C-alpha atoms as a PDB file:
ATOM      1  CA  ASN A   1      26.052 -78.721  -3.872  1.00  0.00           C
ATOM      2  CA  SER A   2      22.172 -78.148  -3.841  1.00  0.00           C
ATOM      3  CA  LYS A   3      21.306 -79.487  -7.644  1.00  0.00           C
ATOM      4  CA  PHE A   4      18.076 -80.609  -7.787  1.00  0.00           C
ATOM      5  CA  GLY A   5      16.539 -79.174  -4.682  1.00  0.00           C
ATOM      6  CA  MET A   6      19.183 -81.486  -2.364  1.00  0.00           C
ATOM      7  CA  ASP A   7      22.130 -80.812  -0.168  1.00  0.00           C
ATOM      8  CA  VAL A   8      25.124 -83.269   0.071  1.00  0.00           C
ATOM      9  CA  ALA A   9      24.569 -83.718   3.439  1.00  0.00           C
ATOM     10  CA  GLU A  10      21.256 -84.427   3.073  1.00  0.00           C
ATOM     11  CA  VAL A  11      21.744 -87.115   0.631  1.00  0.00           C
ATOM     12  CA  ARG A  12      20.916 -90.897   2.066  1.00  0.00           C
ATOM     13  CA  LEU A  13      21.106 -93.038  -1.018  1.00  0.00           C
ATOM     14  CA  VAL A  14      21.864 -92.502  -4.858  1.00  0.00           C
ATOM     15  CA  VAL A  15      21.307 -94.433  -7.797  1.00  0.00           C
ATOM     16  CA  THR A  16      22.623 -93.960 -11.225  1.00  0.00           C
ATOM     17  CA  VAL A  17      22.260 -95.602 -14.331  1.00  0.00           C
ATOM     18  CA  VAL A  18      25.445 -95.086 -16.279  1.00  0.00           C
ATOM     19  CA  LYS A  19      25.324 -95.616 -20.239  1.00  0.00           C
ATOM     20  CA  ASN A  20      26.940 -94.544 -23.271  1.00  0.00           C
ATOM     21  CA  ASP A  21      25.181 -91.274 -25.118  1.00  0.00           C
ATOM     22  CA  GLU A  22      23.535 -93.180 -28.131  1.00  0.00           C
ATOM     23  CA  TRP A  23      22.461 -89.709 -29.290  1.00  0.00           C
ATOM     24  CA  ALA A  24      25.697 -88.096 -29.501  1.00  0.00           C
ATOM     25  CA  ARG A  25      27.275 -91.505 -30.522  1.00  0.00           C
ATOM     26  CA  HIS A  26      25.230 -91.129 -33.935  1.00  0.00           C
ATOM     27  CA  SER A  27      26.223 -87.891 -34.431  1.00  0.00           C
ATOM     28  CA  ASN A  28      29.348 -85.683 -35.004  1.00  0.00           C
ATOM     29  CA  MET A  29      29.341 -84.420 -31.660  1.00  0.00           C
ATOM     30  CA  PRO A  30      31.573 -85.777 -28.804  1.00  0.00           C
ATOM     31  CA  VAL A  31      30.344 -88.771 -26.774  1.00  0.00           C
ATOM     32  CA  ARG A  32      29.625 -88.232 -23.374  1.00  0.00           C
ATOM     33  CA  ALA A  33      28.237 -90.438 -20.736  1.00  0.00           C
ATOM     34  CA  THR A  34      24.384 -90.426 -19.906  1.00  0.00           C
ATOM     35  CA  SER A  35      23.364 -90.793 -16.410  1.00  0.00           C
ATOM     36  CA  SER A  36      19.696 -91.040 -15.059  1.00  0.00           C
ATOM     37  CA  GLY A  37      18.368 -92.218 -11.698  1.00  0.00           C
ATOM     38  CA  PHE A  38      17.547 -90.726  -8.601  1.00  0.00           C
ATOM     39  CA  LYS A  39      18.528 -89.383  -4.945  1.00  0.00           C
ATOM     40  CA  LEU A  40      16.725 -89.824  -1.895  1.00  0.00           C
ATOM     41  CA  SER A  41      17.124 -87.797   1.349  1.00  0.00           C
ATOM     42  CA  THR A  42      17.367 -88.883   4.965  1.00  0.00           C
ATOM     43  CA  ASP A  43      13.864 -87.739   5.338  1.00  0.00           C
ATOM     44  CA  GLY A  44      12.479 -90.119   2.249  1.00  0.00           C
ATOM     45  CA  ARG A  45      11.953 -86.990  -0.283  1.00  0.00           C
ATOM     46  CA  ILE A  46      13.153 -88.426  -3.970  1.00  0.00           C
ATOM     47  CA  ILE A  47      14.725 -86.408  -6.663  1.00  0.00           C
ATOM     48  CA  ASN A  48      14.612 -87.752 -10.039  1.00  0.00           C
ATOM     49  CA  PHE A  49      17.177 -86.655 -12.278  1.00  0.00           C
ATOM     50  CA  LEU A  50      18.889 -87.248 -16.395  1.00  0.00           C
ATOM     51  CA  HIS A  51      22.163 -85.781 -17.295  1.00  0.00           C
ATOM     52  CA  HIS A  52      23.131 -86.017 -20.948  1.00  0.00           C
ATOM     53  CA  SER A  53      25.182 -84.408 -23.385  1.00  0.00           C
ATOM     54  CA  LEU A  54      23.008 -81.566 -24.105  1.00  0.00           C
ATOM     55  CA  SER A  55      21.520 -80.883 -20.709  1.00  0.00           C
ATOM     56  CA  SER A  56      20.452 -81.948 -17.085  1.00  0.00           C
ATOM     57  CA  GLN A  57      17.197 -82.058 -15.754  1.00  0.00           C
ATOM     58  CA  GLY A  58      15.888 -83.323 -12.377  1.00  0.00           C
ATOM     59  CA  GLY A  59      12.573 -82.804 -10.933  1.00  0.00           C
ATOM     60  CA  GLY A  60      10.866 -84.102  -7.367  1.00  0.00           C
ATOM     61  CA  GLY A  61       9.317 -87.801  -6.868  1.00  0.00           C
ATOM     62  CA  PRO A  62       7.269 -89.578  -4.102  1.00  0.00           C
ATOM     63  CA  THR A  63       8.554 -89.679  -0.449  1.00  0.00           C
ATOM     64  CA  ILE A  64       8.726 -92.676   0.999  1.00  0.00           C
ATOM     65  CA  SER A  65       6.984 -93.638   4.028  1.00  0.00           C
ATOM     66  CA  ALA A  66       8.937 -94.548   7.773  1.00  0.00           C
ATOM     67  CA  THR A  67       7.972 -98.035   6.886  1.00  0.00           C
ATOM     68  CA  ALA A  68       9.734 -98.234   3.812  1.00  0.00           C
ATOM     69  CA  GLN A  69      12.891 -95.819   5.050  1.00  0.00           C
ATOM     70  CA  THR A  70      13.431 -98.792   7.759  1.00  0.00           C
ATOM     71  CA  ARG A  71      13.091-101.883   5.071  1.00  0.00           C
ATOM     72  CA  LEU A  72      15.829 -99.584   3.214  1.00  0.00           C
ATOM     73  CA  THR A  73      18.375 -99.452   6.150  1.00  0.00           C
ATOM     74  CA  ALA A  74      17.718-103.394   6.606  1.00  0.00           C
ATOM     75  CA  LEU A  75      18.504-103.532   2.502  1.00  0.00           C
ATOM     76  CA  LEU A  76      21.439-101.017   2.380  1.00  0.00           C
ATOM     77  CA  ALA A  77      23.301-103.790   5.333  1.00  0.00           C
ATOM     78  CA  ALA A  78      22.701-106.283   3.169  1.00  0.00           C
ATOM     79  CA  LEU A  79      24.348-104.897   0.052  1.00  0.00           C
ATOM     80  CA  PRO A  80      27.007-107.460  -1.272  1.00  0.00           C
ATOM     81  CA  ASP A  81      30.412-106.435  -2.593  1.00  0.00           C
ATOM     82  CA  ASP A  82      30.743-105.287  -6.342  1.00  0.00           C
ATOM     83  CA  GLU A  83      33.989-107.334  -5.827  1.00  0.00           C
ATOM     84  CA  SER A  84      35.683-104.453  -8.351  1.00  0.00           C
ATOM     85  CA  GLN A  85      34.556-105.523 -11.290  1.00  0.00           C
ATOM     86  CA  LEU A  86      33.090-103.445 -13.866  1.00  0.00           C
ATOM     87  CA  PRO A  87      30.016-104.611 -15.949  1.00  0.00           C
ATOM     88  CA  PRO A  88      29.855-104.475 -19.327  1.00  0.00           C
ATOM     89  CA  PRO A  89      28.980-100.831 -21.059  1.00  0.00           C
ATOM     90  CA  ASP A  90      25.186 -99.894 -20.902  1.00  0.00           C
ATOM     91  CA  ARG A  91      24.793-102.724 -18.033  1.00  0.00           C
ATOM     92  CA  ARG A  92      25.760-100.392 -14.776  1.00  0.00           C
ATOM     93  CA  LEU A  93      24.344 -99.586 -12.075  1.00  0.00           C
ATOM     94  CA  LEU A  94      26.150 -96.991  -9.111  1.00  0.00           C
ATOM     95  CA  VAL A  95      24.466 -97.511  -5.938  1.00  0.00           C
ATOM     96  CA  GLU A  96      26.118 -95.138  -3.610  1.00  0.00           C
ATOM     97  CA  ASP A  97      24.814 -95.023   0.269  1.00  0.00           C
ATOM     98  CA  ARG A  98      25.865 -93.103   3.183  1.00  0.00           C
ATOM     99  CA  VAL A  99      28.662 -94.060   5.558  1.00  0.00           C
ATOM    100  CA  GLY A 100      29.276 -91.484   8.146  1.00  0.00           C
ATOM    101  CA  ASP A 101      30.204 -88.573   6.318  1.00  0.00           C
ATOM    102  CA  ARG A 102      31.012 -90.142   2.951  1.00  0.00           C
ATOM    103  CA  LEU A 103      28.852 -91.738   0.497  1.00  0.00           C
ATOM    104  CA  ARG A 104      29.954 -95.670  -0.068  1.00  0.00           C
ATOM    105  CA  SER A 105      30.167 -96.618  -4.021  1.00  0.00           C
ATOM    106  CA  ARG A 106      29.517 -99.874  -5.573  1.00  0.00           C
ATOM    107  CA  VAL A 107      28.623-100.429  -9.205  1.00  0.00           C
ATOM    108  CA  TYR A 108      26.517-103.794 -10.012  1.00  0.00           C
ATOM    109  CA  ASP A 109      25.304-105.590 -13.190  1.00  0.00           C
ATOM    110  CA  LEU A 110      21.649-104.255 -14.855  1.00  0.00           C
ATOM    111  CA  ALA A 111      21.838-107.815 -15.789  1.00  0.00           C
ATOM    112  CA  ASP A 112      22.241-109.794 -12.491  1.00  0.00           C
ATOM    113  CA  LEU A 113      21.420-107.485  -9.860  1.00  0.00           C
ATOM    114  CA  PRO A 114      21.431-108.893  -6.207  1.00  0.00           C
ATOM    115  CA  ASP A 115      18.156-109.670  -4.770  1.00  0.00           C
ATOM    116  CA  PRO A 116      18.646-106.527  -2.191  1.00  0.00           C
ATOM    117  CA  VAL A 117      19.157-104.059  -5.172  1.00  0.00           C
ATOM    118  CA  ILE A 118      16.208-104.995  -6.620  1.00  0.00           C
ATOM    119  CA  GLU A 119      13.875-104.684  -3.460  1.00  0.00           C
ATOM    120  CA  ILE A 120      15.783-101.098  -2.975  1.00  0.00           C
ATOM    121  CA  LEU A 121      14.684 -99.943  -6.672  1.00  0.00           C
ATOM    122  CA  ARG A 122      11.107-101.484  -5.557  1.00  0.00           C
ATOM    123  CA  THR A 123      11.045 -99.809  -2.452  1.00  0.00           C
ATOM    124  CA  THR A 124      11.998 -96.532  -3.515  1.00  0.00           C
ATOM    125  CA  GLU A 125       9.465 -96.670  -6.391  1.00  0.00           C
ATOM    126  CA  SER A 126      11.807 -96.412  -8.718  1.00  0.00           C
ATOM    127  CA  ASP A 127      11.391 -96.808 -12.581  1.00  0.00           C
ATOM    128  CA  ILE A 128      14.813 -98.235 -13.235  1.00  0.00           C
ATOM    129  CA  ARG A 129      14.749-101.223 -15.084  1.00  0.00           C
ATOM    130  CA  SER A 130      16.829-104.370 -15.446  1.00  0.00           C
ATOM    131  CA  TRP A 131      18.716-104.992 -18.328  1.00  0.00           C
ATOM    132  CA  VAL A 132      17.742-107.945 -20.995  1.00  0.00           C
ATOM    133  CA  PRO A 133      18.836-108.778 -24.322  1.00  0.00           C
ATOM    134  CA  GLU A 134      16.568-107.971 -27.343  1.00  0.00           C
ATOM    135  CA  PHE A 135      15.560-110.473 -29.686  1.00  0.00           C
ATOM    136  CA  LYS A 136      14.909-109.088 -33.422  1.00  0.00           C
ATOM    137  CA  PRO A 137      12.553-111.137 -35.591  1.00  0.00           C
ATOM    138  CA  ASP A 138      14.065-113.295 -38.106  1.00  0.00           C
ATOM    139  CA  GLU A 139      11.108-112.572 -40.481  1.00  0.00           C
ATOM    140  CA  GLU A 140       8.714-109.283 -40.728  1.00  0.00           C
ATOM    141  CA  ARG A 141       5.605-109.117 -43.254  1.00  0.00           C
ATOM    142  CA  ARG A 142       2.331-107.448 -43.202  1.00  0.00           C
ATOM    143  CA  ASP A 143      -0.090-109.378 -43.904  1.00  0.00           C
ATOM    144  CA  GLY A 144      -4.294-108.440 -44.180  1.00  0.00           C
ATOM    145  CA  ASP A 145      -4.937-112.447 -42.789  1.00  0.00           C
ATOM    146  CA  ALA A 146      -5.067-113.151 -39.001  1.00  0.00           C
ATOM    147  CA  VAL A 147      -2.085-115.470 -37.885  1.00  0.00           C
ATOM    148  CA  GLN A 148      -3.786-119.247 -37.341  1.00  0.00           C
ATOM    149  CA  ALA A 149      -3.559-118.848 -33.647  1.00  0.00           C
ATOM    150  CA  ARG A 150      -4.685-121.133 -31.106  1.00  0.00           C
ATOM    151  CA  GLU A 151      -5.395-118.342 -29.170  1.00  0.00           C
ATOM    152  CA  ALA A 152      -6.766-115.070 -30.334  1.00  0.00           C
ATOM    153  CA  PHE A 153      -7.305-111.751 -28.073  1.00  0.00           C
ATOM    154  CA  THR A 154     -10.288-109.426 -27.437  1.00  0.00           C
ATOM    155  CA  GLU A 155     -10.209-106.000 -25.681  1.00  0.00           C
ATOM    156  CA  SER A 156     -12.579-107.271 -23.068  1.00  0.00           C
ATOM    157  CA  LEU A 157     -10.930-109.153 -20.417  1.00  0.00           C
ATOM    158  CA  GLN A 158     -13.515-112.215 -18.883  1.00  0.00           C
ATOM    159  CA  GLU A 159     -14.059-111.648 -14.918  1.00  0.00           C
ATOM    160  CA  THR A 160     -16.628-114.789 -14.900  1.00  0.00           C
ATOM    161  CA  LEU A 161     -13.485-117.387 -15.752  1.00  0.00           C
ATOM    162  CA  GLN A 162     -14.073-120.291 -13.361  1.00  0.00           C
ATOM    163  CA  TYR A 163     -11.948-123.512 -14.947  1.00  0.00           C
ATOM    164  CA  PHE A 164      -8.761-123.662 -16.422  1.00  0.00           C
ATOM    165  CA  PRO A 165      -7.637-127.256 -17.242  1.00  0.00           C
ATOM    166  CA  SER A 166      -4.230-128.743 -18.323  1.00  0.00           C
ATOM    167  CA  VAL A 167      -3.624-130.493 -21.518  1.00  0.00           C
ATOM    168  CA  SER A 168      -4.397-133.677 -20.135  1.00  0.00           C
ATOM    169  CA  GLY A 169      -7.417-132.654 -18.188  1.00  0.00           C
ATOM    170  CA  ARG A 170      -5.828-134.191 -14.869  1.00  0.00           C
ATOM    171  CA  ARG A 171      -5.218-130.883 -13.325  1.00  0.00           C
ATOM    172  CA  ALA A 172      -6.942-127.470 -13.198  1.00  0.00           C
ATOM    173  CA  VAL A 173      -7.020-124.009 -11.617  1.00  0.00           C
ATOM    174  CA  LEU A 174     -10.256-123.097 -10.516  1.00  0.00           C
ATOM    175  CA  MET A 175     -11.749-119.779  -9.778  1.00  0.00           C
ATOM    176  CA  THR A 176     -14.800-119.843  -7.112  1.00  0.00           C
ATOM    177  CA  LYS A 177     -17.688-117.508  -7.611  1.00  0.00           C
ATOM    178  CA  ASP A 178     -16.233-115.504  -4.091  1.00  0.00           C
ATOM    179  CA  HIS A 179     -12.909-115.109  -6.621  1.00  0.00           C
ATOM    180  CA  SER A 180     -10.650-117.525  -4.393  1.00  0.00           C
ATOM    181  CA  LEU A 181      -7.823-119.193  -6.586  1.00  0.00           C
ATOM    182  CA  ALA A 182      -7.428-123.025  -6.279  1.00  0.00           C
ATOM    183  CA  LEU A 183      -5.773-126.162  -7.494  1.00  0.00           C
ATOM    184  CA  TRP A 184      -8.206-129.129  -8.558  1.00  0.00           C
ATOM    185  CA  ASP A 185      -7.576-132.447  -8.864  1.00  0.00           C
ATOM    186  CA  VAL A 186      -9.608-133.633 -11.706  1.00  0.00           C
ATOM    187  CA  ALA A 187      -8.874-137.533 -11.178  1.00  0.00           C
ATOM    188  CA  ARG A 188      -9.760-137.235  -7.282  1.00  0.00           C
ATOM    189  CA  ARG A 189     -12.325-134.208  -7.689  1.00  0.00           C
ATOM    190  CA  GLN A 190     -10.713-132.627  -4.967  1.00  0.00           C
ATOM    191  CA  GLU A 191     -10.181-128.989  -4.515  1.00  0.00           C
ATOM    192  CA  GLY A 192      -6.489-127.722  -3.126  1.00  0.00           C
ATOM    193  CA  THR A 193      -5.685-125.334  -0.682  1.00  0.00           C
ATOM    194  CA  PRO A 194      -6.645-121.618  -2.077  1.00  0.00           C
ATOM    195  CA  LEU A 195      -3.343-119.840  -3.554  1.00  0.00           C
ATOM    196  CA  ASP A 196      -5.174-116.746  -3.662  1.00  0.00           C
ATOM    197  CA  ASP A 197      -8.534-114.438  -3.353  1.00  0.00           C
ATOM    198  CA  GLY A 198      -9.917-111.270  -4.463  1.00  0.00           C
ATOM    199  CA  LEU A 199      -8.613-111.678  -7.821  1.00  0.00           C
ATOM    200  CA  VAL A 200      -9.485-111.991 -11.665  1.00  0.00           C
ATOM    201  CA  VAL A 201      -7.408-114.653 -13.482  1.00  0.00           C
ATOM    202  CA  HIS A 202      -6.490-113.537 -17.225  1.00  0.00           C
ATOM    203  CA  ARG A 203      -4.601-116.356 -18.244  1.00  0.00           C
ATOM    204  CA  VAL A 204      -3.501-120.246 -17.148  1.00  0.00           C
ATOM    205  CA  ALA A 205      -1.102-121.865 -18.698  1.00  0.00           C
ATOM    206  CA  PHE A 206       0.713-125.318 -17.196  1.00  0.00           C
ATOM    207  CA  SER A 207       4.305-126.603 -17.783  1.00  0.00           C
ATOM    208  CA  PRO A 208       4.616-129.445 -20.304  1.00  0.00           C
ATOM    209  CA  ASP A 209       4.792-132.200 -17.747  1.00  0.00           C
ATOM    210  CA  GLU A 210       2.024-130.225 -15.986  1.00  0.00           C
ATOM    211  CA  SER A 211       4.134-130.142 -12.604  1.00  0.00           C
ATOM    212  CA  LEU A 212       4.216-126.276 -12.592  1.00  0.00           C
ATOM    213  CA  VAL A 213       1.628-123.748 -13.735  1.00  0.00           C
ATOM    214  CA  ALA A 214       1.896-119.984 -14.377  1.00  0.00           C
ATOM    215  CA  ILE A 215      -1.340-118.121 -13.441  1.00  0.00           C
ATOM    216  CA  ALA A 216      -1.702-114.270 -14.526  1.00  0.00           C
ATOM    217  CA  THR A 217      -4.014-112.283 -12.044  1.00  0.00           C
ATOM    218  CA  GLY A 218      -5.373-108.893 -11.821  1.00  0.00           C
ATOM    219  CA  PRO A 219      -7.363-106.676  -9.632  1.00  0.00           C
ATOM    220  CA  ARG A 220     -11.499-106.728  -9.551  1.00  0.00           C
ATOM    221  CA  THR A 221     -11.337-103.146  -9.033  1.00  0.00           C
ATOM    222  CA  HIS A 222      -9.212-100.156 -10.725  1.00  0.00           C
ATOM    223  CA  ASP A 223      -8.583 -98.816  -6.809  1.00  0.00           C
ATOM    224  CA  GLY A 224      -4.833-100.279  -7.395  1.00  0.00           C
ATOM    225  CA  ALA A 225      -4.903-102.259  -4.209  1.00  0.00           C
ATOM    226  CA  SER A 226      -3.989-105.478  -6.019  1.00  0.00           C
ATOM    227  CA  PRO A 227      -1.437-105.416  -8.775  1.00  0.00           C
ATOM    228  CA  HIS A 228      -1.008-107.445 -11.887  1.00  0.00           C
ATOM    229  CA  ARG A 229       0.980-110.818 -11.670  1.00  0.00           C
ATOM    230  CA  LEU A 230       2.114-113.576 -12.968  1.00  0.00           C
ATOM    231  CA  ARG A 231       3.355-116.167 -10.639  1.00  0.00           C
ATOM    232  CA  ILE A 232       4.467-119.906 -11.214  1.00  0.00           C
ATOM    233  CA  TRP A 233       3.039-122.100  -8.692  1.00  0.00           C
ATOM    234  CA  ASN A 234       4.162-125.882  -8.020  1.00  0.00           C
ATOM    235  CA  VAL A 235       1.365-128.100  -8.768  1.00  0.00           C
ATOM    236  CA  ALA A 236       2.093-130.829  -6.288  1.00  0.00           C
ATOM    237  CA  THR A 237       2.948-128.848  -3.411  1.00  0.00           C
ATOM    238  CA  GLU A 238       0.735-126.119  -4.417  1.00  0.00           C
ATOM    239  CA  LYS A 239       3.874-123.388  -3.055  1.00  0.00           C
ATOM    240  CA  LEU A 240       4.714-120.258  -4.861  1.00  0.00           C
ATOM    241  CA  ILE A 241       7.995-120.728  -6.741  1.00  0.00           C
ATOM    242  CA  HIS A 242       8.383-117.447  -8.389  1.00  0.00           C
ATOM    243  CA  GLU A 243       6.485-114.202  -9.094  1.00  0.00           C
ATOM    244  CA  LEU A 244       7.583-113.240 -12.817  1.00  0.00           C
ATOM    245  CA  ARG A 245       8.309-109.141 -13.139  1.00  0.00           C
ATOM    246  CA  PRO A 246       9.272-107.276 -16.467  1.00  0.00           C
ATOM    247  CA  TYR A 247      12.591-105.586 -16.071  1.00  0.00           C
ATOM    248  CA  GLU A 248      12.061-106.665 -11.850  1.00  0.00           C
ATOM    249  CA  GLN A 249       9.540-104.025 -12.118  1.00  0.00           C
ATOM    250  CA  ALA A 250       5.512-104.512 -12.038  1.00  0.00           C
ATOM    251  CA  PHE A 251       3.150-104.999 -14.792  1.00  0.00           C
ATOM    252  CA  ALA A 252       0.805-101.975 -15.366  1.00  0.00           C
ATOM    253  CA  GLY A 253      -1.956-103.754 -17.184  1.00  0.00           C
ATOM    254  CA  PRO A 254      -3.379-107.389 -17.542  1.00  0.00           C
ATOM    255  CA  ILE A 255      -1.010-110.278 -18.873  1.00  0.00           C
ATOM    256  CA  ARG A 256      -2.871-111.385 -22.377  1.00  0.00           C
ATOM    257  CA  VAL A 257      -0.189-113.666 -23.829  1.00  0.00           C
ATOM    258  CA  LEU A 258       1.227-116.698 -21.636  1.00  0.00           C
ATOM    259  CA  ARG A 259       3.336-119.352 -23.078  1.00  0.00           C
ATOM    260  CA  TRP A 260       5.663-121.973 -22.214  1.00  0.00           C
ATOM    261  CA  THR A 261       8.855-123.184 -24.131  1.00  0.00           C
ATOM    262  CA  THR A 262       8.398-126.824 -25.287  1.00  0.00           C
ATOM    263  CA  ASP A 263      11.152-128.298 -22.439  1.00  0.00           C
ATOM    264  CA  GLY A 264       9.629-125.991 -19.677  1.00  0.00           C
ATOM    265  CA  ARG A 265      12.636-123.809 -18.902  1.00  0.00           C
ATOM    266  CA  TYR A 266      11.146-120.521 -19.735  1.00  0.00           C
ATOM    267  CA  VAL A 267       8.361-118.835 -20.241  1.00  0.00           C
ATOM    268  CA  ILE A 268       6.848-116.541 -22.832  1.00  0.00           C
ATOM    269  CA  ALA A 269       4.154-113.240 -21.659  1.00  0.00           C
ATOM    270  CA  ALA A 270       3.249-110.267 -22.723  1.00  0.00           C
ATOM    271  CA  ALA A 271       1.731-107.299 -21.180  1.00  0.00           C
ATOM    272  CA  GLN A 272       2.118-103.473 -20.593  1.00  0.00           C
ATOM    273  CA  LEU A 273       4.454-101.820 -18.546  1.00  0.00           C
ATOM    274  CA  VAL A 274       3.472 -98.649 -18.160  1.00  0.00           C
ATOM    275  CA  SER A 275      -0.139 -97.310 -17.520  1.00  0.00           C
ATOM    276  CA  TYR A 276      -0.267 -94.213 -20.097  1.00  0.00           C
ATOM    277  CA  SER A 277       0.666 -96.737 -23.269  1.00  0.00           C
ATOM    278  CA  SER A 278      -1.350 -99.258 -25.028  1.00  0.00           C
ATOM    279  CA  SER A 279       2.256-101.130 -26.054  1.00  0.00           C
ATOM    280  CA  GLU A 280       2.585-104.562 -24.914  1.00  0.00           C
ATOM    281  CA  SER A 281       6.349-105.979 -24.033  1.00  0.00           C
ATOM    282  CA  LEU A 282       6.355-109.569 -25.299  1.00  0.00           C
ATOM    283  CA  GLY A 283       9.532-110.985 -22.985  1.00  0.00           C
ATOM    284  CA  VAL A 284      10.826-114.518 -22.079  1.00  0.00           C
ATOM    285  CA  TRP A 285      11.610-115.525 -18.509  1.00  0.00           C
ATOM    286  CA  SER A 286      13.817-118.101 -16.744  1.00  0.00           C
ATOM    287  CA  VAL A 287      11.550-120.687 -14.708  1.00  0.00           C
ATOM    288  CA  ALA A 288      14.779-121.756 -13.000  1.00  0.00           C
ATOM    289  CA  GLY A 289      15.703-118.289 -11.551  1.00  0.00           C
ATOM    290  CA  GLY A 290      12.357-116.293 -12.174  1.00  0.00           C
ATOM    291  CA  ARG A 291      14.243-113.453 -13.870  1.00  0.00           C
ATOM    292  CA  HIS A 292      13.362-111.673 -16.959  1.00  0.00           C
ATOM    293  CA  ARG A 293      15.306-112.929 -19.918  1.00  0.00           C
ATOM    294  CA  GLY A 294      15.257-111.223 -22.829  1.00  0.00           C
ATOM    295  CA  TRP A 295      12.568-109.085 -24.752  1.00  0.00           C
ATOM    296  CA  LEU A 296      11.212-109.459 -28.276  1.00  0.00           C
ATOM    297  CA  SER A 297       9.166-106.529 -29.077  1.00  0.00           C
ATOM    298  CA  HIS A 298       7.111-103.665 -27.508  1.00  0.00           C
ATOM    299  CA  ASP A 299       3.781-103.249 -29.638  1.00  0.00           C
ATOM    300  CA  LYS A 300       0.059-104.235 -29.120  1.00  0.00           C
ATOM    301  CA  ILE A 301      -0.336-107.758 -29.975  1.00  0.00           C
ATOM    302  CA  THR A 302      -2.899-109.596 -31.613  1.00  0.00           C
ATOM    303  CA  ALA A 303      -2.325-112.830 -32.005  1.00  0.00           C
ATOM    304  CA  MET A 304       0.108-115.695 -31.299  1.00  0.00           C
ATOM    305  CA  ASP A 305       1.407-119.033 -31.694  1.00  0.00           C
ATOM    306  CA  PHE A 306       4.130-121.448 -32.226  1.00  0.00           C
ATOM    307  CA  ASP A 307       4.482-123.440 -35.797  1.00  0.00           C
ATOM    308  CA  SER A 308       3.773-127.353 -35.735  1.00  0.00           C
ATOM    309  CA  GLY A 309       7.089-127.824 -34.823  1.00  0.00           C
ATOM    310  CA  TYR A 310       7.303-125.664 -32.144  1.00  0.00           C
ATOM    311  CA  ARG A 311      10.453-123.772 -33.279  1.00  0.00           C
ATOM    312  CA  ASN A 312       9.178-120.497 -34.745  1.00  0.00           C
ATOM    313  CA  LEU A 313       7.122-118.282 -32.675  1.00  0.00           C
ATOM    314  CA  SER A 314       4.750-115.848 -34.935  1.00  0.00           C
ATOM    315  CA  VAL A 315       3.241-112.581 -33.582  1.00  0.00           C
ATOM    316  CA  GLN A 316       0.771-110.727 -35.279  1.00  0.00           C
ATOM    317  CA  TYR A 317       0.273-106.859 -34.273  1.00  0.00           C
ATOM    318  CA  ASP A 318      -2.869-104.549 -34.102  1.00  0.00           C
ATOM    319  CA  ASP A 319      -1.539-102.951 -37.394  1.00  0.00           C
ATOM    320  CA  SER A 320      -1.291-106.468 -39.259  1.00  0.00           C
ATOM    321  CA  LEU A 321       2.353-106.920 -38.967  1.00  0.00           C
ATOM    322  CA  ILE A 322       3.294-110.121 -38.434  1.00  0.00           C
ATOM    323  CA  ARG A 323       6.835-110.817 -36.907  1.00  0.00           C
ATOM    324  CA  THR A 324       8.368-114.633 -36.453  1.00  0.00           C
ATOM    325  CA  TRP A 325      11.248-115.344 -34.363  1.00  0.00           C
ATOM    326  CA  ASP A 326      13.486-119.130 -34.798  1.00  0.00           C
ATOM    327  CA  MET A 327      12.717-119.773 -30.653  1.00  0.00           C
ATOM    328  CA  LYS A 328      15.494-122.765 -30.807  1.00  0.00           C
ATOM    329  CA  LEU A 329      17.837-119.442 -31.496  1.00  0.00           C
ATOM    330  CA  VAL A 330      16.521-117.286 -29.112  1.00  0.00           C
ATOM    331  CA  LEU A 331      16.688-119.653 -25.922  1.00  0.00           C
ATOM    332  CA  GLU A 332      20.356-120.862 -26.814  1.00  0.00           C
ATOM    333  CA  ARG A 333      21.180-117.249 -26.746  1.00  0.00           C
ATOM    334  CA  ILE A 334      19.273-116.786 -23.546  1.00  0.00           C
ATOM    335  CA  ASP A 335      21.353-119.721 -22.588  1.00  0.00           C
ATOM    336  CA  ASP A 336      24.840-118.640 -23.455  1.00  0.00           C
ATOM    337  CA  PHE A 337      23.739-115.029 -22.037  1.00  0.00           C
ATOM    338  CA  GLU A 338      22.720-116.696 -18.449  1.00  0.00           C
ATOM    339  CA  LYS A 339      25.933-119.011 -18.842  1.00  0.00           C
ATOM    340  CA  SER A 340      27.940-115.764 -19.239  1.00  0.00           C
ATOM    341  CA  LEU A 341      26.125-113.867 -15.794  1.00  0.00           C
ATOM    342  CA  THR A 342      27.405-117.451 -13.857  1.00  0.00           C
ATOM    343  CA  LYS A 343      30.897-117.007 -15.649  1.00  0.00           C
ATOM    344  CA  SER A 344      31.307-113.197 -13.975  1.00  0.00           C
ATOM    345  CA  GLU A 345      30.512-114.747 -10.126  1.00  0.00           C
END
């Protein structure tokens, strides 16, 4: 079978997302499975594909480097067994890797991918995303007045920000003139070990107890050498705790929204997921695990804030639409979702 330019004997790896065909389901046509993903050849060529009720499509992708292929070998060797458990519909990721003259198959849950699988997707530059629950707003209205937010956003990002204090004023993140990033003990007037350099800081948010700090950075230039990143650091030890990624992929633009929940267990952030769109994905990340655990919207944001009781989150978009979420209920549902993943292990 040489469909989409690759013989079966050439195939080293096939990664497939299998889900229900929503278009067919909502029409009078028979429901068929929709699948999308990529094939990787033994010489590093990638072929992307899409199969649905009406047609099949495919095309060439990047060729991964020899270094990436070596790393891929180690990752495939580290793949855990799927324990013969079938994940819920729309959350099934089929991974087939070559063992001798056959392809070995495993099925993983897109909502709870093992680390080796996530690294395989990144190493192959795949655009396959993890699955997270969607949370619809409790209220939606259109209003010409801006949300009374503590933070409003402009299109131009400042590249000269140097001092980002915590609420108490005891700690701060310092960006020196040479763009070296460090934590600052304000009381002792003592600068910590540099965390990173050569970056621009877009947003900084300390956790409620100020034991952790989330820092959103981006490249100083547009050469693509440095990605847009959102990382959590331990303030006392100055150690990196987690790098947060949307759907376990990279951010395509600067993080312009960054907040902690009042219990310090989750971070709320928004940024572009794809470079060709100005829309921003507003998501929720678990601090304990560092995983993306929910998304709220995919539109361009102009302002955001909690109400005085820190229960309701209101977000205004560039078309003056305002959406409000009951974050207590959202976080309860995320808790239930995370517990369901633990039970399935």
